[in-house]
PDB file of N, CA and C in Angstrom:
ATOM      1  N   MET A   1     173.131  92.226  32.116  1.00  0.00           N
ATOM      2  CA  MET A   1     174.045  93.319  32.283  1.00  0.00           C
ATOM      3  C   MET A   1     175.251  93.099  31.386  1.00  0.00           C
ATOM      4  N   ARG A   2     175.584  94.118  30.621  1.00  0.00           N
ATOM      5  CA  ARG A   2     176.720  93.990  29.702  1.00  0.00           C
ATOM      6  C   ARG A   2     178.058  94.018  30.413  1.00  0.00           C
ATOM      7  N   ARG A   3     178.190  94.875  31.404  1.00  0.00           N
ATOM      8  CA  ARG A   3     179.468  95.026  32.103  1.00  0.00           C
ATOM      9  C   ARG A   3     179.480  94.182  33.369  1.00  0.00           C
ATOM     10  N   LYS A   4     179.871  92.945  33.242  1.00  0.00           N
ATOM     11  CA  LYS A   4     179.908  92.034  34.388  1.00  0.00           C
ATOM     12  C   LYS A   4     180.855  92.535  35.470  1.00  0.00           C
ATOM     13  N   ASP A   5     181.869  93.312  35.097  1.00  0.00           N
ATOM     14  CA  ASP A   5     182.811  93.826  36.086  1.00  0.00           C
ATOM     15  C   ASP A   5     182.193  94.901  36.979  1.00  0.00           C
ATOM     16  N   ARG A   6     181.040  95.443  36.601  1.00  0.00           N
ATOM     17  CA  ARG A   6     180.343  96.450  37.405  1.00  0.00           C
ATOM     18  C   ARG A   6     179.063  95.929  38.054  1.00  0.00           C
ATOM     19  N   GLU A   7     178.750  94.691  37.809  1.00  0.00           N
ATOM     20  CA  GLU A   7     177.529  94.108  38.350  1.00  0.00           C
ATOM     21  C   GLU A   7     177.644  93.922  39.867  1.00  0.00           C
ATOM     22  N   VAL A   8     176.607  94.346  40.585  1.00  0.00           N
ATOM     23  CA  VAL A   8     176.562  94.168  42.037  1.00  0.00           C
ATOM     24  C   VAL A   8     175.742  92.912  42.332  1.00  0.00           C
ATOM     25  N   THR A   9     176.402  91.914  42.901  1.00  0.00           N
ATOM     26  CA  THR A   9     175.715  90.665  43.199  1.00  0.00           C
ATOM     27  C   THR A   9     175.666  90.373  44.699  1.00  0.00           C
ATOM     28  N   ASP A  10     176.504  91.051  45.469  1.00  0.00           N
ATOM     29  CA  ASP A  10     176.547  90.844  46.913  1.00  0.00           C
ATOM     30  C   ASP A  10     175.426  91.632  47.586  1.00  0.00           C
ATOM     31  N   LEU A  11     174.589  90.954  48.364  1.00  0.00           N
ATOM     32  CA  LEU A  11     173.437  91.584  49.004  1.00  0.00           C
ATOM     33  C   LEU A  11     173.856  92.729  49.927  1.00  0.00           C
ATOM     34  N   ASP A  12     174.906  92.538  50.719  1.00  0.00           N
ATOM     35  CA  ASP A  12     175.351  93.595  51.633  1.00  0.00           C
ATOM     36  C   ASP A  12     175.809  94.844  50.880  1.00  0.00           C
ATOM     37  N   THR A  13     176.492  94.663  49.778  1.00  0.00           N
ATOM     38  CA  THR A  13     176.911  95.800  48.956  1.00  0.00           C
ATOM     39  C   THR A  13     175.698  96.513  48.384  1.00  0.00           C
ATOM     40  N   PHE A  14     174.732  95.753  47.926  1.00  0.00           N
ATOM     41  CA  PHE A  14     173.507  96.330  47.366  1.00  0.00           C
ATOM     42  C   PHE A  14     172.765  97.137  48.433  1.00  0.00           C
ATOM     43  N   ILE A  15     172.679  96.608  49.635  1.00  0.00           N
ATOM     44  CA  ILE A  15     172.002  97.310  50.727  1.00  0.00           C
ATOM     45  C   ILE A  15     172.754  98.587  51.094  1.00  0.00           C
ATOM     46  N   ASN A  16     174.079  98.555  51.075  1.00  0.00           N
ATOM     47  CA  ASN A  16     174.868  99.770  51.329  1.00  0.00           C
ATOM     48  C   ASN A  16     174.575 100.846  50.291  1.00  0.00           C
ATOM     49  N   ILE A  17     174.392 100.454  49.050  1.00  0.00           N
ATOM     50  CA  ILE A  17     174.053 101.411  47.988  1.00  0.00           C
ATOM     51  C   ILE A  17     172.670 101.998  48.251  1.00  0.00           C
ATOM     52  N   ILE A  18     171.701 101.155  48.589  1.00  0.00           N
ATOM     53  CA  ILE A  18     170.341 101.608  48.867  1.00  0.00           C
ATOM     54  C   ILE A  18     170.330 102.574  50.052  1.00  0.00           C
ATOM     55  N   ASP A  19     171.108 102.272  51.084  1.00  0.00           N
ATOM     56  CA  ASP A  19     171.150 103.111  52.285  1.00  0.00           C
ATOM     57  C   ASP A  19     171.643 104.527  51.994  1.00  0.00           C
ATOM     58  N   GLN A  20     172.346 104.724  50.916  1.00  0.00           N
ATOM     59  CA  GLN A  20     172.851 106.042  50.547  1.00  0.00           C
ATOM     60  C   GLN A  20     171.834 106.859  49.750  1.00  0.00           C
ATOM     61  N   CYS A  21     170.693 106.277  49.442  1.00  0.00           N
ATOM     62  CA  CYS A  21     169.681 106.929  48.610  1.00  0.00           C
ATOM     63  C   CYS A  21     168.545 107.499  49.458  1.00  0.00           C
ATOM     64  N   ASP A  22     168.070 108.693  49.066  1.00  0.00           N
ATOM     65  CA  ASP A  22     166.890 109.279  49.682  1.00  0.00           C
ATOM     66  C   ASP A  22     165.633 108.971  48.879  1.00  0.00           C
ATOM     67  N   ILE A  23     165.815 108.810  47.576  1.00  0.00           N
ATOM     68  CA  ILE A  23     164.690 108.507  46.683  1.00  0.00           C
ATOM     69  C   ILE A  23     165.105 107.411  45.708  1.00  0.00           C
ATOM     70  N   ILE A  24     164.111 106.759  45.134  1.00  0.00           N
ATOM     71  CA  ILE A  24     164.340 105.875  44.001  1.00  0.00           C
ATOM     72  C   ILE A  24     163.445 106.365  42.871  1.00  0.00           C
ATOM     73  N   ARG A  25     163.773 106.009  41.679  1.00  0.00           N
ATOM     74  CA  ARG A  25     162.966 106.400  40.529  1.00  0.00           C
ATOM     75  C   ARG A  25     162.218 105.174  40.027  1.00  0.00           C
ATOM     76  N   LEU A  26     160.913 105.299  40.055  1.00  0.00           N
ATOM     77  CA  LEU A  26     160.042 104.222  39.637  1.00  0.00           C
ATOM     78  C   LEU A  26     159.768 104.393  38.152  1.00  0.00           C
ATOM     79  N   GLY A  27     160.134 103.394  37.366  1.00  0.00           N
ATOM     80  CA  GLY A  27     159.934 103.456  35.922  1.00  0.00           C
ATOM     81  C   GLY A  27     158.773 102.584  35.497  1.00  0.00           C
ATOM     82  N   LEU A  28     157.802 103.197  34.836  1.00  0.00           N
ATOM     83  CA  LEU A  28     156.625 102.482  34.355  1.00  0.00           C
ATOM     84  C   LEU A  28     156.465 102.742  32.867  1.00  0.00           C
ATOM     85  N   SER A  29     155.695 101.921  32.202  1.00  0.00           N
ATOM     86  CA  SER A  29     155.459 102.089  30.774  1.00  0.00           C
ATOM     87  C   SER A  29     154.061 102.643  30.547  1.00  0.00           C
ATOM     88  N   ASP A  30     154.002 103.768  29.835  1.00  0.00           N
ATOM     89  CA  ASP A  30     152.725 104.378  29.469  1.00  0.00           C
ATOM     90  C   ASP A  30     152.549 104.190  27.966  1.00  0.00           C
ATOM     91  N   ASN A  31     152.189 102.977  27.595  1.00  0.00           N
ATOM     92  CA  ASN A  31     152.095 102.549  26.199  1.00  0.00           C
ATOM     93  C   ASN A  31     153.439 102.708  25.514  1.00  0.00           C
ATOM     94  N   GLU A  32     153.602 103.697  24.649  1.00  0.00           N
ATOM     95  CA  GLU A  32     154.857 103.807  23.913  1.00  0.00           C
ATOM     96  C   GLU A  32     155.883 104.700  24.608  1.00  0.00           C
ATOM     97  N   TYR A  33     155.530 105.348  25.713  1.00  0.00           N
ATOM     98  CA  TYR A  33     156.445 106.260  26.382  1.00  0.00           C
ATOM     99  C   TYR A  33     156.713 105.815  27.826  1.00  0.00           C
ATOM    100  N   PRO A  34     157.943 106.029  28.290  1.00  0.00           N
ATOM    101  CA  PRO A  34     158.215 105.713  29.690  1.00  0.00           C
ATOM    102  C   PRO A  34     157.651 106.785  30.614  1.00  0.00           C
ATOM    103  N   TYR A  35     157.288 106.379  31.799  1.00  0.00           N
ATOM    104  CA  TYR A  35     156.824 107.295  32.838  1.00  0.00           C
ATOM    105  C   TYR A  35     157.699 107.028  34.055  1.00  0.00           C
ATOM    106  N   ILE A  36     158.536 107.982  34.396  1.00  0.00           N
ATOM    107  CA  ILE A  36     159.482 107.824  35.492  1.00  0.00           C
ATOM    108  C   ILE A  36     159.178 108.867  36.541  1.00  0.00           C
ATOM    109  N   VAL A  37     159.014 108.419  37.790  1.00  0.00           N
ATOM    110  CA  VAL A  37     158.666 109.329  38.871  1.00  0.00           C
ATOM    111  C   VAL A  37     159.563 109.044  40.073  1.00  0.00           C
ATOM    112  N   PRO A  38     160.171 110.087  40.640  1.00  0.00           N
ATOM    113  CA  PRO A  38     160.960 109.880  41.856  1.00  0.00           C
ATOM    114  C   PRO A  38     160.031 109.704  43.054  1.00  0.00           C
ATOM    115  N   VAL A  39     160.336 108.748  43.919  1.00  0.00           N
ATOM    116  CA  VAL A  39     159.504 108.483  45.090  1.00  0.00           C
ATOM    117  C   VAL A  39     160.384 108.250  46.317  1.00  0.00           C
ATOM    118  N   ASN A  40     159.873 108.660  47.474  1.00  0.00           N
ATOM    119  CA  ASN A  40     160.502 108.294  48.728  1.00  0.00           C
ATOM    120  C   ASN A  40     160.206 106.825  48.971  1.00  0.00           C
ATOM    121  N   PHE A  41     161.029 106.181  49.762  1.00  0.00           N
ATOM    122  CA  PHE A  41     160.846 104.748  49.946  1.00  0.00           C
ATOM    123  C   PHE A  41     161.354 104.282  51.298  1.00  0.00           C
ATOM    124  N   ALA A  42     160.938 103.115  51.647  1.00  0.00           N
ATOM    125  CA  ALA A  42     161.485 102.349  52.761  1.00  0.00           C
ATOM    126  C   ALA A  42     161.673 100.938  52.222  1.00  0.00           C
ATOM    127  N   TYR A  43     162.406 100.127  52.953  1.00  0.00           N
ATOM    128  CA  TYR A  43     162.579  98.749  52.484  1.00  0.00           C
ATOM    129  C   TYR A  43     162.805  97.822  53.661  1.00  0.00           C
ATOM    130  N   THR A  44     162.559  96.557  53.407  1.00  0.00           N
ATOM    131  CA  THR A  44     162.874  95.505  54.358  1.00  0.00           C
ATOM    132  C   THR A  44     163.644  94.418  53.619  1.00  0.00           C
ATOM    133  N   VAL A  45     164.370  93.642  54.377  1.00  0.00           N
ATOM    134  CA  VAL A  45     165.087  92.495  53.811  1.00  0.00           C
ATOM    135  C   VAL A  45     164.666  91.265  54.598  1.00  0.00           C
ATOM    136  N   GLU A  46     164.101  90.302  53.898  1.00  0.00           N
ATOM    137  CA  GLU A  46     163.682  89.042  54.511  1.00  0.00           C
ATOM    138  C   GLU A  46     164.104  87.899  53.615  1.00  0.00           C
ATOM    139  N   ASP A  47     164.815  86.952  54.172  1.00  0.00           N
ATOM    140  CA  ASP A  47     165.284  85.779  53.418  1.00  0.00           C
ATOM    141  C   ASP A  47     166.029  86.187  52.145  1.00  0.00           C
ATOM    142  N   LYS A  48     166.920  87.160  52.266  1.00  0.00           N
ATOM    143  CA  LYS A  48     167.744  87.652  51.151  1.00  0.00           C
ATOM    144  C   LYS A  48     166.905  88.253  50.022  1.00  0.00           C
ATOM    145  N   GLN A  49     165.702  88.706  50.354  1.00  0.00           N
ATOM    146  CA  GLN A  49     164.784  89.336  49.391  1.00  0.00           C
ATOM    147  C   GLN A  49     164.529  90.770  49.850  1.00  0.00           C
ATOM    148  N   ILE A  50     164.733  91.739  48.967  1.00  0.00           N
ATOM    149  CA  ILE A  50     164.494  93.140  49.299  1.00  0.00           C
ATOM    150  C   ILE A  50     163.094  93.523  48.837  1.00  0.00           C
ATOM    151  N   CYS A  51     162.323  94.109  49.743  1.00  0.00           N
ATOM    152  CA  CYS A  51     160.970  94.561  49.436  1.00  0.00           C
ATOM    153  C   CYS A  51     160.920  96.078  49.626  1.00  0.00           C
ATOM    154  N   PHE A  52     160.612  96.807  48.563  1.00  0.00           N
ATOM    155  CA  PHE A  52     160.518  98.257  48.624  1.00  0.00           C
ATOM    156  C   PHE A  52     159.087  98.689  48.914  1.00  0.00           C
ATOM    157  N   TYR A  53     158.952  99.710  49.736  1.00  0.00           N
ATOM    158  CA  TYR A  53     157.661 100.321  50.043  1.00  0.00           C
ATOM    159  C   TYR A  53     157.723 101.762  49.575  1.00  0.00           C
ATOM    160  N   ILE A  54     156.735 102.171  48.792  1.00  0.00           N
ATOM    161  CA  ILE A  54     156.688 103.546  48.306  1.00  0.00           C
ATOM    162  C   ILE A  54     155.364 104.180  48.715  1.00  0.00           C
ATOM    163  N   HIS A  55     155.400 105.484  48.861  1.00  0.00           N
ATOM    164  CA  HIS A  55     154.208 106.229  49.239  1.00  0.00           C
ATOM    165  C   HIS A  55     153.411 106.559  47.981  1.00  0.00           C
ATOM    166  N   GLY A  56     152.107 106.495  48.076  1.00  0.00           N
ATOM    167  CA  GLY A  56     151.290 106.865  46.936  1.00  0.00           C
ATOM    168  C   GLY A  56     149.812 106.775  47.235  1.00  0.00           C
ATOM    169  N   ALA A  57     149.061 107.569  46.518  1.00  0.00           N
ATOM    170  CA  ALA A  57     147.604 107.572  46.656  1.00  0.00           C
ATOM    171  C   ALA A  57     147.006 106.472  45.790  1.00  0.00           C
ATOM    172  N   THR A  58     145.743 106.179  46.027  1.00  0.00           N
ATOM    173  CA  THR A  58     145.048 105.178  45.207  1.00  0.00           C
ATOM    174  C   THR A  58     144.313 105.839  44.049  1.00  0.00           C
ATOM    175  N   ALA A  59     144.902 106.911  43.555  1.00  0.00           N
ATOM    176  CA  ALA A  59     144.379 107.606  42.376  1.00  0.00           C
ATOM    177  C   ALA A  59     145.561 108.289  41.700  1.00  0.00           C
ATOM    178  N   GLY A  60     145.406 108.595  40.442  1.00  0.00           N
ATOM    179  CA  GLY A  60     146.454 109.288  39.713  1.00  0.00           C
ATOM    180  C   GLY A  60     147.150 108.392  38.710  1.00  0.00           C
ATOM    181  N   ARG A  61     148.037 109.015  37.950  1.00  0.00           N
ATOM    182  CA  ARG A  61     148.694 108.334  36.842  1.00  0.00           C
ATOM    183  C   ARG A  61     149.567 107.159  37.303  1.00  0.00           C
ATOM    184  N   LYS A  62     150.365 107.374  38.337  1.00  0.00           N
ATOM    185  CA  LYS A  62     151.238 106.309  38.841  1.00  0.00           C
ATOM    186  C   LYS A  62     150.405 105.089  39.249  1.00  0.00           C
ATOM    187  N   TYR A  63     149.348 105.328  40.009  1.00  0.00           N
ATOM    188  CA  TYR A  63     148.487 104.229  40.463  1.00  0.00           C
ATOM    189  C   TYR A  63     147.847 103.520  39.263  1.00  0.00           C
ATOM    190  N   GLU A  64     147.356 104.279  38.307  1.00  0.00           N
ATOM    191  CA  GLU A  64     146.700 103.679  37.136  1.00  0.00           C
ATOM    192  C   GLU A  64     147.675 102.810  36.346  1.00  0.00           C
ATOM    193  N   LEU A  65     148.896 103.302  36.137  1.00  0.00           N
ATOM    194  CA  LEU A  65     149.878 102.520  35.379  1.00  0.00           C
ATOM    195  C   LEU A  65     150.295 101.262  36.133  1.00  0.00           C
ATOM    196  N   MET A  66     150.479 101.385  37.443  1.00  0.00           N
ATOM    197  CA  MET A  66     150.844 100.205  38.225  1.00  0.00           C
ATOM    198  C   MET A  66     149.696  99.201  38.252  1.00  0.00           C
ATOM    199  N   ASN A  67     148.489  99.673  38.319  1.00  0.00           N
ATOM    200  CA  ASN A  67     147.320  98.802  38.332  1.00  0.00           C
ATOM    201  C   ASN A  67     147.140  98.087  36.989  1.00  0.00           C
ATOM    202  N   GLN A  68     147.477  98.750  35.881  1.00  0.00           N
ATOM    203  CA  GLN A  68     147.417  98.120  34.560  1.00  0.00           C
ATOM    204  C   GLN A  68     148.339  96.916  34.482  1.00  0.00           C
ATOM    205  N   LYS A  69     149.502  97.029  35.081  1.00  0.00           N
ATOM    206  CA  LYS A  69     150.491  95.955  35.034  1.00  0.00           C
ATOM    207  C   LYS A  69     150.256  94.916  36.123  1.00  0.00           C
ATOM    208  N   MET A  70     149.193  95.098  36.889  1.00  0.00           N
ATOM    209  CA  MET A  70     148.789  94.179  37.941  1.00  0.00           C
ATOM    210  C   MET A  70     149.902  93.945  38.957  1.00  0.00           C
ATOM    211  N   LEU A  71     150.525  95.040  39.401  1.00  0.00           N
ATOM    212  CA  LEU A  71     151.561  94.931  40.410  1.00  0.00           C
ATOM    213  C   LEU A  71     150.982  94.935  41.808  1.00  0.00           C
ATOM    214  N   PHE A  72     149.687  95.273  41.959  1.00  0.00           N
ATOM    215  CA  PHE A  72     149.084  95.294  43.280  1.00  0.00           C
ATOM    216  C   PHE A  72     148.461  93.958  43.584  1.00  0.00           C
TER     217      PHE A  72
END
């Protein structure tokens, strides 16, 4: 991050920011072009680690791109 004065490093502050959001934008790479899709989400916090859960089918462009990057 270039602007260290704007960097959020406190977990509680980060969670407060997340709590204000209804959607997140998932950014994936489709070879030379970005593929960005807004998704609804839920999250959990365990051992100072945030885990996001997003809704999605096991077919379609989002699934194919995520599967290419072996995120599943």
